[in-house]
Amino acid sequence: MCSLKGRNDSVTKTDRRIIRTKNEIKQAFFSLLSEKNFEAITVRNITERANINRGTFYLHYVDKYNLLEQYENEIFEKFNAILDETTILVIDINQFKQERLPVMTQILHVFYEEADSLKLILGPNGDPFYYEKMRQFFVRYFNAYLGNLTDKSKWKFPIELTLAYNSNAILGVITYWLQHDIQQSPEEVATMLIETILKGTLEASGMRSIIEKESELGR
């Protein structure tokens, strides 16, 4: 009779094989995505690059769309887990940086860890709809805080426009950061994003003081 330990060891080995095979398939897929458009990639291309047969591919994925969808969902699961663990206890806008910076830093670490794959998906060969999915995530990121500001009627501009502006600005910076081989740390980019949201571009970048000094000299 097979022992419980023996069965557990067998399951562990099987799980490891599945993980290894799926990683090989994903590596092959992203290697191809660096060379050509997603629509031009076939399952045959993927299996040949991964050195597996088609049957093995179909054990794990329905088609190439399912492969991409599973990966994209894995990323959102990580993002959503970060937000789900976040509790906003105060509504004072002065606490925004203190509360939001650690969350933004965690999110950027996910981008950092998955940079090679995400820059391809968000690039010209990738999924044209993924950018909008990402943008909607950052709308949720802001709503996690703004939801506590009950009197939204006092805002100078419609909140929908504010959310659209901030979510597009953040994702634009992150996409640029990925496409240019991550010259800054996640902590540096997170700080820049949060300070720009709080202070505006001119003040956060230091340009306001430069403009004011030049204006005084010109008088």
Foldseek 3Di string as FASTA:
>chain_A
DDDPVNVVVVVVVVVVVLVVLLVLLVVQLLVVLVPAAPVPDFLVSSCVSSVHDSVSVVVPAVTVVRSVVVVLVVLVVQLVVLLVPADDDDQPPVCCCVRCLVSQLSNVVSCVVCLSRVLSQPDPRHPPCVLVVQLVSQLVVVCSRCVPVPPQVPDPDPVVVVSNVLSVVLSVVSSVCSVVPNPDHSSVSSVLSSCCSVPNDCVSVVNVVVVVVVVVVVD
